[in-house]
Amino acid sequence: MYSKEELCNKITALYPDLGKCGIDITVEYDPKQKIWLVDLKKGSHELKHHLEIPDADACKADQQCVALGLEIDHLKQNIAGQQF
């Protein structure tokens, strides 16, 4: 297992325009549900994403980060005023 800092740093490396760990991005592990909780904030917009362990592992290993990437794209569209 890796730390929340390592996962957060990987997310900011993949999506550098999001912000900084601990300020705009918060990553916490929920041991009861066995998932990573990713909270992204940009201005008045906020996205809460549950990242399953296999997805977090793939993201951390540079294999893929598809589900989170799709959510991030939606957040960016909302910030730009291009909501669905």
PDB file of N, CA and C in Angstrom:
ATOM      1  N   MET A   1       0.854  -1.184   0.000  1.00  0.00           N
ATOM      2  CA  MET A   1       0.000   0.000   0.000  1.00  0.00           C
ATOM      3  C   MET A   1       0.893   1.237   0.000  1.00  0.00           C
ATOM      4  N   TYR A   2       0.388   2.295  -0.496  1.00  0.00           N
ATOM      5  CA  TYR A   2       1.118   3.547  -0.597  1.00  0.00           C
ATOM      6  C   TYR A   2       0.418   4.591   0.283  1.00  0.00           C
ATOM      7  N   SER A   3       1.061   5.687   0.486  1.00  0.00           N
ATOM      8  CA  SER A   3       0.514   6.728   1.356  1.00  0.00           C
ATOM      9  C   SER A   3      -0.427   7.642   0.581  1.00  0.00           C
ATOM     10  N   LYS A   4      -1.206   8.410   1.326  1.00  0.00           N
ATOM     11  CA  LYS A   4      -2.109   9.365   0.683  1.00  0.00           C
ATOM     12  C   LYS A   4      -1.315  10.450  -0.049  1.00  0.00           C
ATOM     13  N   GLU A   5      -0.141  10.781   0.466  1.00  0.00           N
ATOM     14  CA  GLU A   5       0.712  11.767  -0.196  1.00  0.00           C
ATOM     15  C   GLU A   5       1.193  11.253  -1.554  1.00  0.00           C
ATOM     16  N   GLU A   6       1.565   9.961  -1.599  1.00  0.00           N
ATOM     17  CA  GLU A   6       2.034   9.374  -2.856  1.00  0.00           C
ATOM     18  C   GLU A   6       0.923   9.377  -3.910  1.00  0.00           C
ATOM     19  N   LEU A   7      -0.288   8.992  -3.501  1.00  0.00           N
ATOM     20  CA  LEU A   7      -1.402   8.971  -4.442  1.00  0.00           C
ATOM     21  C   LEU A   7      -1.767  10.389  -4.876  1.00  0.00           C
ATOM     22  N   CYS A   8      -1.786  11.315  -3.958  1.00  0.00           N
ATOM     23  CA  CYS A   8      -2.091  12.710  -4.282  1.00  0.00           C
ATOM     24  C   CYS A   8      -1.042  13.269  -5.242  1.00  0.00           C
ATOM     25  N   ASN A   9       0.210  12.994  -4.981  1.00  0.00           N
ATOM     26  CA  ASN A   9       1.278  13.456  -5.875  1.00  0.00           C
ATOM     27  C   ASN A   9       1.142  12.870  -7.273  1.00  0.00           C
ATOM     28  N   LYS A  10       0.701  11.617  -7.366  1.00  0.00           N
ATOM     29  CA  LYS A  10       0.489  10.990  -8.673  1.00  0.00           C
ATOM     30  C   LYS A  10      -0.652  11.686  -9.406  1.00  0.00           C
ATOM     31  N   ILE A  11      -1.731  11.999  -8.695  1.00  0.00           N
ATOM     32  CA  ILE A  11      -2.874  12.683  -9.307  1.00  0.00           C
ATOM     33  C   ILE A  11      -2.452  14.065  -9.810  1.00  0.00           C
ATOM     34  N   THR A  12      -1.698  14.799  -9.010  1.00  0.00           N
ATOM     35  CA  THR A  12      -1.264  16.136  -9.437  1.00  0.00           C
ATOM     36  C   THR A  12      -0.246  16.050 -10.575  1.00  0.00           C
ATOM     37  N   ALA A  13       0.514  14.965 -10.648  1.00  0.00           N
ATOM     38  CA  ALA A  13       1.438  14.786 -11.771  1.00  0.00           C
ATOM     39  C   ALA A  13       0.661  14.522 -13.064  1.00  0.00           C
ATOM     40  N   LEU A  14      -0.420  13.756 -12.964  1.00  0.00           N
ATOM     41  CA  LEU A  14      -1.238  13.459 -14.130  1.00  0.00           C
ATOM     42  C   LEU A  14      -2.090  14.656 -14.551  1.00  0.00           C
ATOM     43  N   TYR A  15      -2.520  15.450 -13.575  1.00  0.00           N
ATOM     44  CA  TYR A  15      -3.409  16.587 -13.827  1.00  0.00           C
ATOM     45  C   TYR A  15      -2.852  17.825 -13.133  1.00  0.00           C
ATOM     46  N   PRO A  16      -1.748  18.382 -13.636  1.00  0.00           N
ATOM     47  CA  PRO A  16      -1.057  19.474 -12.941  1.00  0.00           C
ATOM     48  C   PRO A  16      -1.856  20.771 -12.834  1.00  0.00           C
ATOM     49  N   ASP A  17      -2.878  20.939 -13.644  1.00  0.00           N
ATOM     50  CA  ASP A  17      -3.660  22.166 -13.582  1.00  0.00           C
ATOM     51  C   ASP A  17      -4.721  22.151 -12.482  1.00  0.00           C
ATOM     52  N   LEU A  18      -4.815  21.060 -11.729  1.00  0.00           N
ATOM     53  CA  LEU A  18      -5.836  20.968 -10.687  1.00  0.00           C
ATOM     54  C   LEU A  18      -5.512  21.789  -9.448  1.00  0.00           C
ATOM     55  N   GLY A  19      -4.309  21.765  -9.008  1.00  0.00           N
ATOM     56  CA  GLY A  19      -3.960  22.473  -7.786  1.00  0.00           C
ATOM     57  C   GLY A  19      -2.909  21.725  -7.003  1.00  0.00           C
ATOM     58  N   LYS A  20      -2.928  21.939  -5.693  1.00  0.00           N
ATOM     59  CA  LYS A  20      -1.899  21.366  -4.834  1.00  0.00           C
ATOM     60  C   LYS A  20      -2.505  20.431  -3.802  1.00  0.00           C
ATOM     61  N   CYS A  21      -1.754  19.424  -3.439  1.00  0.00           N
ATOM     62  CA  CYS A  21      -2.185  18.490  -2.404  1.00  0.00           C
ATOM     63  C   CYS A  21      -2.381  19.232  -1.080  1.00  0.00           C
ATOM     64  N   GLY A  22      -3.451  18.899  -0.407  1.00  0.00           N
ATOM     65  CA  GLY A  22      -3.731  19.513   0.887  1.00  0.00           C
ATOM     66  C   GLY A  22      -4.424  20.856   0.778  1.00  0.00           C
ATOM     67  N   ILE A  23      -4.465  21.438  -0.410  1.00  0.00           N
ATOM     68  CA  ILE A  23      -5.141  22.718  -0.607  1.00  0.00           C
ATOM     69  C   ILE A  23      -6.353  22.516  -1.515  1.00  0.00           C
ATOM     70  N   ASP A  24      -6.108  22.108  -2.755  1.00  0.00           N
ATOM     71  CA  ASP A  24      -7.180  21.882  -3.714  1.00  0.00           C
ATOM     72  C   ASP A  24      -7.543  20.404  -3.842  1.00  0.00           C
ATOM     73  N   ILE A  25      -6.641  19.546  -3.438  1.00  0.00           N
ATOM     74  CA  ILE A  25      -6.857  18.104  -3.546  1.00  0.00           C
ATOM     75  C   ILE A  25      -6.591  17.462  -2.184  1.00  0.00           C
ATOM     76  N   THR A  26      -7.570  16.701  -1.734  1.00  0.00           N
ATOM     77  CA  THR A  26      -7.410  15.957  -0.490  1.00  0.00           C
ATOM     78  C   THR A  26      -7.629  14.482  -0.800  1.00  0.00           C
ATOM     79  N   VAL A  27      -6.733  13.654  -0.332  1.00  0.00           N
ATOM     80  CA  VAL A  27      -6.837  12.210  -0.538  1.00  0.00           C
ATOM     81  C   VAL A  27      -6.786  11.538   0.827  1.00  0.00           C
ATOM     82  N   GLU A  28      -7.772  10.715   1.109  1.00  0.00           N
ATOM     83  CA  GLU A  28      -7.834   9.979   2.370  1.00  0.00           C
ATOM     84  C   GLU A  28      -8.237   8.535   2.083  1.00  0.00           C
ATOM     85  N   TYR A  29      -7.724   7.627   2.888  1.00  0.00           N
ATOM     86  CA  TYR A  29      -8.125   6.223   2.762  1.00  0.00           C
ATOM     87  C   TYR A  29      -9.198   5.929   3.789  1.00  0.00           C
ATOM     88  N   ASP A  30     -10.276   5.287   3.350  1.00  0.00           N
ATOM     89  CA  ASP A  30     -11.355   4.875   4.251  1.00  0.00           C
ATOM     90  C   ASP A  30     -11.213   3.375   4.494  1.00  0.00           C
ATOM     91  N   PRO A  31     -10.691   2.994   5.673  1.00  0.00           N
ATOM     92  CA  PRO A  31     -10.449   1.568   5.923  1.00  0.00           C
ATOM     93  C   PRO A  31     -11.734   0.751   6.049  1.00  0.00           C
ATOM     94  N   LYS A  32     -12.840   1.369   6.452  1.00  0.00           N
ATOM     95  CA  LYS A  32     -14.105   0.626   6.568  1.00  0.00           C
ATOM     96  C   LYS A  32     -14.616   0.208   5.200  1.00  0.00           C
ATOM     97  N   GLN A  33     -14.591   1.149   4.243  1.00  0.00           N
ATOM     98  CA  GLN A  33     -15.089   0.853   2.903  1.00  0.00           C
ATOM     99  C   GLN A  33     -14.005   0.312   1.977  1.00  0.00           C
ATOM    100  N   LYS A  34     -12.750   0.442   2.427  1.00  0.00           N
ATOM    101  CA  LYS A  34     -11.590   0.006   1.652  1.00  0.00           C
ATOM    102  C   LYS A  34     -11.538   0.698   0.290  1.00  0.00           C
ATOM    103  N   ILE A  35     -11.645   2.044   0.338  1.00  0.00           N
ATOM    104  CA  ILE A  35     -11.568   2.871  -0.865  1.00  0.00           C
ATOM    105  C   ILE A  35     -10.784   4.136  -0.535  1.00  0.00           C
ATOM    106  N   TRP A  36     -10.288   4.770  -1.583  1.00  0.00           N
ATOM    107  CA  TRP A  36      -9.652   6.075  -1.448  1.00  0.00           C
ATOM    108  C   TRP A  36     -10.694   7.136  -1.736  1.00  0.00           C
ATOM    109  N   LEU A  37     -10.751   8.160  -0.926  1.00  0.00           N
ATOM    110  CA  LEU A  37     -11.652   9.279  -1.120  1.00  0.00           C
ATOM    111  C   LEU A  37     -10.832  10.440  -1.655  1.00  0.00           C
ATOM    112  N   VAL A  38     -11.185  10.904  -2.837  1.00  0.00           N
ATOM    113  CA  VAL A  38     -10.479  12.013  -3.479  1.00  0.00           C
ATOM    114  C   VAL A  38     -11.435  13.194  -3.533  1.00  0.00           C
ATOM    115  N   ASP A  39     -11.043  14.305  -2.924  1.00  0.00           N
ATOM    116  CA  ASP A  39     -11.859  15.512  -2.889  1.00  0.00           C
ATOM    117  C   ASP A  39     -11.110  16.612  -3.637  1.00  0.00           C
ATOM    118  N   LEU A  40     -11.694  17.075  -4.736  1.00  0.00           N
ATOM    119  CA  LEU A  40     -11.080  18.111  -5.556  1.00  0.00           C
ATOM    120  C   LEU A  40     -11.889  19.396  -5.434  1.00  0.00           C
ATOM    121  N   LYS A  41     -11.216  20.500  -5.233  1.00  0.00           N
ATOM    122  CA  LYS A  41     -11.889  21.795  -5.127  1.00  0.00           C
ATOM    123  C   LYS A  41     -11.196  22.793  -6.041  1.00  0.00           C
ATOM    124  N   LYS A  42     -11.990  23.595  -6.712  1.00  0.00           N
ATOM    125  CA  LYS A  42     -11.471  24.663  -7.557  1.00  0.00           C
ATOM    126  C   LYS A  42     -12.505  25.785  -7.493  1.00  0.00           C
ATOM    127  N   GLY A  43     -12.186  26.840  -6.767  1.00  0.00           N
ATOM    128  CA  GLY A  43     -13.139  27.923  -6.573  1.00  0.00           C
ATOM    129  C   GLY A  43     -14.354  27.415  -5.815  1.00  0.00           C
ATOM    130  N   SER A  44     -15.534  27.660  -6.363  1.00  0.00           N
ATOM    131  CA  SER A  44     -16.762  27.207  -5.707  1.00  0.00           C
ATOM    132  C   SER A  44     -17.171  25.811  -6.159  1.00  0.00           C
ATOM    133  N   HIS A  45     -16.384  25.185  -7.022  1.00  0.00           N
ATOM    134  CA  HIS A  45     -16.693  23.853  -7.539  1.00  0.00           C
ATOM    135  C   HIS A  45     -15.966  22.793  -6.709  1.00  0.00           C
ATOM    136  N   GLU A  46     -16.671  21.686  -6.491  1.00  0.00           N
ATOM    137  CA  GLU A  46     -16.082  20.598  -5.711  1.00  0.00           C
ATOM    138  C   GLU A  46     -16.497  19.265  -6.308  1.00  0.00           C
ATOM    139  N   LEU A  47     -15.583  18.319  -6.284  1.00  0.00           N
ATOM    140  CA  LEU A  47     -15.833  16.974  -6.769  1.00  0.00           C
ATOM    141  C   LEU A  47     -15.351  15.993  -5.715  1.00  0.00           C
ATOM    142  N   LYS A  48     -16.223  15.078  -5.339  1.00  0.00           N
ATOM    143  CA  LYS A  48     -15.846  14.003  -4.423  1.00  0.00           C
ATOM    144  C   LYS A  48     -15.897  12.706  -5.223  1.00  0.00           C
ATOM    145  N   HIS A  49     -14.796  11.973  -5.204  1.00  0.00           N
ATOM    146  CA  HIS A  49     -14.682  10.754  -5.999  1.00  0.00           C
ATOM    147  C   HIS A  49     -14.200   9.611  -5.120  1.00  0.00           C
ATOM    148  N   HIS A  50     -14.850   8.460  -5.254  1.00  0.00           N
ATOM    149  CA  HIS A  50     -14.411   7.248  -4.559  1.00  0.00           C
ATOM    150  C   HIS A  50     -13.565   6.455  -5.524  1.00  0.00           C
ATOM    151  N   LEU A  51     -12.336   6.211  -5.148  1.00  0.00           N
ATOM    152  CA  LEU A  51     -11.396   5.481  -5.999  1.00  0.00           C
ATOM    153  C   LEU A  51     -11.170   4.104  -5.387  1.00  0.00           C
ATOM    154  N   GLU A  52     -11.651   3.082  -6.088  1.00  0.00           N
ATOM    155  CA  GLU A  52     -11.483   1.708  -5.611  1.00  0.00           C
ATOM    156  C   GLU A  52      -9.997   1.357  -5.611  1.00  0.00           C
ATOM    157  N   ILE A  53      -9.614   0.424  -4.755  1.00  0.00           N
ATOM    158  CA  ILE A  53      -8.210   0.028  -4.609  1.00  0.00           C
ATOM    159  C   ILE A  53      -7.579  -0.387  -5.947  1.00  0.00           C
ATOM    160  N   PRO A  54      -8.223  -1.257  -6.750  1.00  0.00           N
ATOM    161  CA  PRO A  54      -7.594  -1.626  -8.035  1.00  0.00           C
ATOM    162  C   PRO A  54      -7.395  -0.421  -8.957  1.00  0.00           C
ATOM    163  N   ASP A  55      -8.344   0.518  -8.935  1.00  0.00           N
ATOM    164  CA  ASP A  55      -8.211   1.713  -9.757  1.00  0.00           C
ATOM    165  C   ASP A  55      -7.071   2.598  -9.250  1.00  0.00           C
ATOM    166  N   ALA A  56      -6.968   2.731  -7.947  1.00  0.00           N
ATOM    167  CA  ALA A  56      -5.887   3.525  -7.362  1.00  0.00           C
ATOM    168  C   ALA A  56      -4.537   2.878  -7.651  1.00  0.00           C
ATOM    169  N   ASP A  57      -4.486   1.545  -7.578  1.00  0.00           N
ATOM    170  CA  ASP A  57      -3.246   0.825  -7.883  1.00  0.00           C
ATOM    171  C   ASP A  57      -2.820   1.072  -9.335  1.00  0.00           C
ATOM    172  N   ALA A  58      -3.784   0.994 -10.257  1.00  0.00           N
ATOM    173  CA  ALA A  58      -3.480   1.213 -11.673  1.00  0.00           C
ATOM    174  C   ALA A  58      -3.037   2.652 -11.905  1.00  0.00           C
ATOM    175  N   CYS A  59      -3.679   3.576 -11.248  1.00  0.00           N
ATOM    176  CA  CYS A  59      -3.312   4.995 -11.373  1.00  0.00           C
ATOM    177  C   CYS A  59      -1.893   5.209 -10.857  1.00  0.00           C
ATOM    178  N   LYS A  60      -1.601   4.654  -9.726  1.00  0.00           N
ATOM    179  CA  LYS A  60      -0.286   4.814  -9.105  1.00  0.00           C
ATOM    180  C   LYS A  60       0.809   4.172  -9.951  1.00  0.00           C
ATOM    181  N   ALA A  61       0.458   3.092 -10.653  1.00  0.00           N
ATOM    182  CA  ALA A  61       1.444   2.366 -11.466  1.00  0.00           C
ATOM    183  C   ALA A  61       1.526   2.899 -12.896  1.00  0.00           C
ATOM    184  N   ASP A  62       0.918   4.061 -13.152  1.00  0.00           N
ATOM    185  CA  ASP A  62       0.926   4.679 -14.486  1.00  0.00           C
ATOM    186  C   ASP A  62       0.241   3.826 -15.542  1.00  0.00           C
ATOM    187  N   GLN A  63      -0.646   2.928 -15.154  1.00  0.00           N
ATOM    188  CA  GLN A  63      -1.333   2.095 -16.127  1.00  0.00           C
ATOM    189  C   GLN A  63      -2.567   2.815 -16.666  1.00  0.00           C
ATOM    190  N   GLN A  64      -3.397   3.309 -15.776  1.00  0.00           N
ATOM    191  CA  GLN A  64      -4.575   4.067 -16.175  1.00  0.00           C
ATOM    192  C   GLN A  64      -5.189   4.733 -14.953  1.00  0.00           C
ATOM    193  N   CYS A  65      -5.968   5.729 -15.208  1.00  0.00           N
ATOM    194  CA  CYS A  65      -6.678   6.442 -14.148  1.00  0.00           C
ATOM    195  C   CYS A  65      -7.976   6.953 -14.769  1.00  0.00           C
ATOM    196  N   VAL A  66      -8.673   6.045 -15.448  1.00  0.00           N
ATOM    197  CA  VAL A  66      -9.792   6.395 -16.313  1.00  0.00           C
ATOM    198  C   VAL A  66     -10.962   7.006 -15.549  1.00  0.00           C
ATOM    199  N   ALA A  67     -11.476   6.336 -14.546  1.00  0.00           N
ATOM    200  CA  ALA A  67     -12.663   6.828 -13.838  1.00  0.00           C
ATOM    201  C   ALA A  67     -12.406   8.202 -13.235  1.00  0.00           C
ATOM    202  N   LEU A  68     -11.284   8.368 -12.585  1.00  0.00           N
ATOM    203  CA  LEU A  68     -10.947   9.661 -11.996  1.00  0.00           C
ATOM    204  C   LEU A  68     -10.755  10.704 -13.090  1.00  0.00           C
ATOM    205  N   GLY A  69     -10.123  10.332 -14.175  1.00  0.00           N
ATOM    206  CA  GLY A  69      -9.907  11.258 -15.286  1.00  0.00           C
ATOM    207  C   GLY A  69     -11.210  11.776 -15.869  1.00  0.00           C
ATOM    208  N   LEU A  70     -12.203  10.902 -16.006  1.00  0.00           N
ATOM    209  CA  LEU A  70     -13.508  11.327 -16.510  1.00  0.00           C
ATOM    210  C   LEU A  70     -14.166  12.312 -15.548  1.00  0.00           C
ATOM    211  N   GLU A  71     -14.085  12.031 -14.269  1.00  0.00           N
ATOM    212  CA  GLU A  71     -14.652  12.937 -13.265  1.00  0.00           C
ATOM    213  C   GLU A  71     -13.943  14.292 -13.300  1.00  0.00           C
ATOM    214  N   ILE A  72     -12.636  14.263 -13.465  1.00  0.00           N
ATOM    215  CA  ILE A  72     -11.864  15.508 -13.518  1.00  0.00           C
ATOM    216  C   ILE A  72     -12.256  16.325 -14.742  1.00  0.00           C
ATOM    217  N   ASP A  73     -12.479  15.650 -15.869  1.00  0.00           N
ATOM    218  CA  ASP A  73     -12.926  16.360 -17.073  1.00  0.00           C
ATOM    219  C   ASP A  73     -14.275  17.031 -16.840  1.00  0.00           C
ATOM    220  N   HIS A  74     -15.188  16.345 -16.151  1.00  0.00           N
ATOM    221  CA  HIS A  74     -16.485  16.949 -15.825  1.00  0.00           C
ATOM    222  C   HIS A  74     -16.308  18.161 -14.923  1.00  0.00           C
ATOM    223  N   LEU A  75     -15.425  18.058 -13.947  1.00  0.00           N
ATOM    224  CA  LEU A  75     -15.162  19.184 -13.058  1.00  0.00           C
ATOM    225  C   LEU A  75     -14.629  20.373 -13.855  1.00  0.00           C
ATOM    226  N   LYS A  76     -13.695  20.116 -14.755  1.00  0.00           N
ATOM    227  CA  LYS A  76     -13.133  21.192 -15.569  1.00  0.00           C
ATOM    228  C   LYS A  76     -14.211  21.848 -16.437  1.00  0.00           C
ATOM    229  N   GLN A  77     -15.123  21.051 -16.990  1.00  0.00           N
ATOM    230  CA  GLN A  77     -16.220  21.600 -17.791  1.00  0.00           C
ATOM    231  C   GLN A  77     -17.129  22.470 -16.936  1.00  0.00           C
ATOM    232  N   ASN A  78     -17.407  22.027 -15.718  1.00  0.00           N
ATOM    233  CA  ASN A  78     -18.234  22.817 -14.817  1.00  0.00           C
ATOM    234  C   ASN A  78     -17.564  24.131 -14.466  1.00  0.00           C
ATOM    235  N   ILE A  79     -16.274  24.092 -14.224  1.00  0.00           N
ATOM    236  CA  ILE A  79     -15.529  25.320 -13.909  1.00  0.00           C
ATOM    237  C   ILE A  79     -15.584  26.289 -15.089  1.00  0.00           C
ATOM    238  N   ALA A  80     -15.494  25.744 -16.292  1.00  0.00           N
ATOM    239  CA  ALA A  80     -15.508  26.579 -17.492  1.00  0.00           C
ATOM    240  C   ALA A  80     -16.919  27.034 -17.868  1.00  0.00           C
ATOM    241  N   GLY A  81     -17.929  26.618 -17.080  1.00  0.00           N
ATOM    242  CA  GLY A  81     -19.309  26.988 -17.375  1.00  0.00           C
ATOM    243  C   GLY A  81     -19.941  26.173 -18.473  1.00  0.00           C
ATOM    244  N   GLN A  82     -19.402  24.998 -18.701  1.00  0.00           N
ATOM    245  CA  GLN A  82     -19.928  24.122 -19.757  1.00  0.00           C
ATOM    246  C   GLN A  82     -20.620  22.907 -19.170  1.00  0.00           C
ATOM    247  N   GLN A  83     -21.475  23.134 -18.180  1.00  0.00           N
ATOM    248  CA  GLN A  83     -22.160  22.033 -17.535  1.00  0.00           C
ATOM    249  C   GLN A  83     -23.102  21.357 -18.521  1.00  0.00           C
ATOM    250  N   PHE A  84     -23.441  20.135 -18.204  1.00  0.00           N
ATOM    251  CA  PHE A  84     -24.379  19.377 -19.055  1.00  0.00           C
ATOM    252  C   PHE A  84     -25.790  19.837 -18.772  1.00  0.00           C
TER     253      PHE A  84
END
